[in-house]
Amino acid sequence: MSTSRLIQFVALCLLVLFFLPYVIKLQQVDLIIVLLAGIAMPVYDFIRNKDN
């Protein structure tokens, strides 16, 4: 795993850890869906990005 890929993975983990308490605590389903979409987009980009 290259250094830039490792940095991207750490940043992705930090982003997920940042959003996780909000996803757990929220009671409104529509806001949970928005937050999960906000997490899914960078995860998808990380998986699909094979350049680095």
N, C-alpha and C. Protein backbone atom coordinates (compact mmCIF):
# COMPACT_ATOMS: atom_id res chain seq x y z
N MET A 1 0.86 -1.17 0.00
CA MET A 1 0.00 0.00 0.00
C MET A 1 0.90 1.23 0.00
N SER A 2 0.67 2.13 -0.95
CA SER A 2 1.50 3.32 -1.04
C SER A 2 1.14 4.31 0.08
N THR A 3 2.03 5.27 0.26
CA THR A 3 1.85 6.24 1.34
C THR A 3 0.60 7.09 1.13
N SER A 4 0.36 7.53 -0.09
CA SER A 4 -0.82 8.36 -0.33
C SER A 4 -2.11 7.55 -0.13
N ARG A 5 -2.07 6.29 -0.51
CA ARG A 5 -3.26 5.43 -0.31
C ARG A 5 -3.52 5.21 1.18
N LEU A 6 -2.44 5.06 1.95
CA LEU A 6 -2.57 4.90 3.39
C LEU A 6 -3.13 6.16 4.03
N ILE A 7 -2.68 7.32 3.58
CA ILE A 7 -3.19 8.59 4.10
C ILE A 7 -4.67 8.74 3.76
N GLN A 8 -5.05 8.35 2.56
CA GLN A 8 -6.46 8.40 2.17
C GLN A 8 -7.30 7.48 3.04
N PHE A 9 -6.77 6.30 3.35
CA PHE A 9 -7.50 5.36 4.20
C PHE A 9 -7.67 5.89 5.61
N VAL A 10 -6.63 6.50 6.15
CA VAL A 10 -6.72 7.08 7.50
C VAL A 10 -7.73 8.22 7.51
N ALA A 11 -7.70 9.06 6.48
CA ALA A 11 -8.67 10.16 6.39
C ALA A 11 -10.09 9.64 6.28
N LEU A 12 -10.28 8.58 5.53
CA LEU A 12 -11.60 7.98 5.40
C LEU A 12 -12.08 7.42 6.73
N CYS A 13 -11.20 6.77 7.46
CA CYS A 13 -11.56 6.25 8.78
C CYS A 13 -11.93 7.37 9.74
N LEU A 14 -11.18 8.46 9.70
CA LEU A 14 -11.49 9.60 10.56
C LEU A 14 -12.83 10.23 10.20
N LEU A 15 -13.14 10.29 8.91
CA LEU A 15 -14.43 10.82 8.48
C LEU A 15 -15.58 9.95 8.98
N VAL A 16 -15.42 8.64 8.87
CA VAL A 16 -16.46 7.72 9.35
C VAL A 16 -16.61 7.85 10.86
N LEU A 17 -15.50 7.94 11.58
CA LEU A 17 -15.57 8.09 13.04
C LEU A 17 -16.20 9.42 13.44
N PHE A 18 -16.01 10.46 12.62
CA PHE A 18 -16.62 11.76 12.90
C PHE A 18 -18.14 11.70 12.76
N PHE A 19 -18.63 11.02 11.72
CA PHE A 19 -20.07 10.96 11.46
C PHE A 19 -20.79 9.91 12.29
N LEU A 20 -20.07 8.92 12.80
CA LEU A 20 -20.69 7.80 13.49
C LEU A 20 -21.57 8.19 14.68
N PRO A 21 -21.16 9.09 15.60
CA PRO A 21 -22.06 9.44 16.71
C PRO A 21 -23.36 10.10 16.24
N TYR A 22 -23.28 10.89 15.18
CA TYR A 22 -24.49 11.53 14.66
C TYR A 22 -25.44 10.49 14.08
N VAL A 23 -24.91 9.51 13.38
CA VAL A 23 -25.75 8.46 12.80
C VAL A 23 -26.40 7.64 13.90
N ILE A 24 -25.66 7.37 14.96
CA ILE A 24 -26.19 6.56 16.06
C ILE A 24 -27.25 7.32 16.86
N LYS A 25 -27.02 8.60 17.12
CA LYS A 25 -27.90 9.37 18.00
C LYS A 25 -29.16 9.91 17.33
N LEU A 26 -29.11 10.12 16.02
CA LEU A 26 -30.26 10.72 15.35
C LEU A 26 -31.46 9.78 15.35
N GLN A 27 -32.61 10.36 15.49
CA GLN A 27 -33.85 9.59 15.46
C GLN A 27 -34.60 9.77 14.14
N GLN A 28 -34.21 10.75 13.34
CA GLN A 28 -34.91 11.03 12.10
C GLN A 28 -34.27 10.23 10.96
N VAL A 29 -35.06 9.42 10.32
CA VAL A 29 -34.56 8.52 9.29
C VAL A 29 -34.03 9.29 8.09
N ASP A 30 -34.69 10.39 7.72
CA ASP A 30 -34.25 11.13 6.55
C ASP A 30 -32.86 11.74 6.75
N LEU A 31 -32.56 12.22 7.94
CA LEU A 31 -31.23 12.76 8.21
C LEU A 31 -30.17 11.66 8.28
N ILE A 32 -30.56 10.50 8.77
CA ILE A 32 -29.64 9.37 8.80
C ILE A 32 -29.27 8.96 7.37
N ILE A 33 -30.25 8.97 6.48
CA ILE A 33 -29.99 8.64 5.08
C ILE A 33 -29.03 9.64 4.45
N VAL A 34 -29.21 10.91 4.74
CA VAL A 34 -28.32 11.94 4.21
C VAL A 34 -26.90 11.75 4.74
N LEU A 35 -26.76 11.47 6.02
CA LEU A 35 -25.44 11.24 6.59
C LEU A 35 -24.78 9.98 6.02
N LEU A 36 -25.54 8.93 5.86
CA LEU A 36 -24.99 7.72 5.28
C LEU A 36 -24.58 7.92 3.83
N ALA A 37 -25.32 8.72 3.10
CA ALA A 37 -24.92 9.06 1.73
C ALA A 37 -23.63 9.87 1.74
N GLY A 38 -23.50 10.76 2.72
CA GLY A 38 -22.28 11.54 2.85
C GLY A 38 -21.08 10.68 3.21
N ILE A 39 -21.31 9.56 3.86
CA ILE A 39 -20.23 8.62 4.16
C ILE A 39 -19.98 7.70 2.97
N ALA A 40 -21.04 7.30 2.28
CA ALA A 40 -20.91 6.34 1.18
C ALA A 40 -20.15 6.92 -0.01
N MET A 41 -20.30 8.20 -0.28
CA MET A 41 -19.63 8.79 -1.44
C MET A 41 -18.10 8.74 -1.32
N PRO A 42 -17.50 9.16 -0.20
CA PRO A 42 -16.04 9.02 -0.11
C PRO A 42 -15.57 7.57 -0.05
N VAL A 43 -16.36 6.68 0.55
CA VAL A 43 -15.99 5.27 0.58
C VAL A 43 -15.97 4.71 -0.84
N TYR A 44 -16.98 5.03 -1.62
CA TYR A 44 -17.04 4.59 -3.01
C TYR A 44 -15.86 5.16 -3.80
N ASP A 45 -15.56 6.43 -3.59
CA ASP A 45 -14.44 7.06 -4.29
C ASP A 45 -13.12 6.40 -3.90
N PHE A 46 -12.96 6.04 -2.63
CA PHE A 46 -11.74 5.39 -2.18
C PHE A 46 -11.59 4.01 -2.82
N ILE A 47 -12.69 3.28 -2.91
CA ILE A 47 -12.63 1.95 -3.48
C ILE A 47 -12.38 2.00 -4.99
N ARG A 48 -13.03 2.92 -5.67
CA ARG A 48 -12.90 3.01 -7.12
C ARG A 48 -11.60 3.66 -7.57
N ASN A 49 -10.97 4.47 -6.75
CA ASN A 49 -9.76 5.20 -7.12
C ASN A 49 -8.56 4.26 -7.01
N LYS A 50 -8.10 3.77 -8.13
CA LYS A 50 -6.95 2.85 -8.15
C LYS A 50 -5.68 3.56 -8.63
N ASP A 51 -5.74 4.89 -8.80
CA ASP A 51 -4.59 5.63 -9.33
C ASP A 51 -3.42 5.61 -8.36
N ASN A 52 -3.73 5.78 -7.08
CA ASN A 52 -2.63 5.95 -6.10
C ASN A 52 -2.31 4.65 -5.43
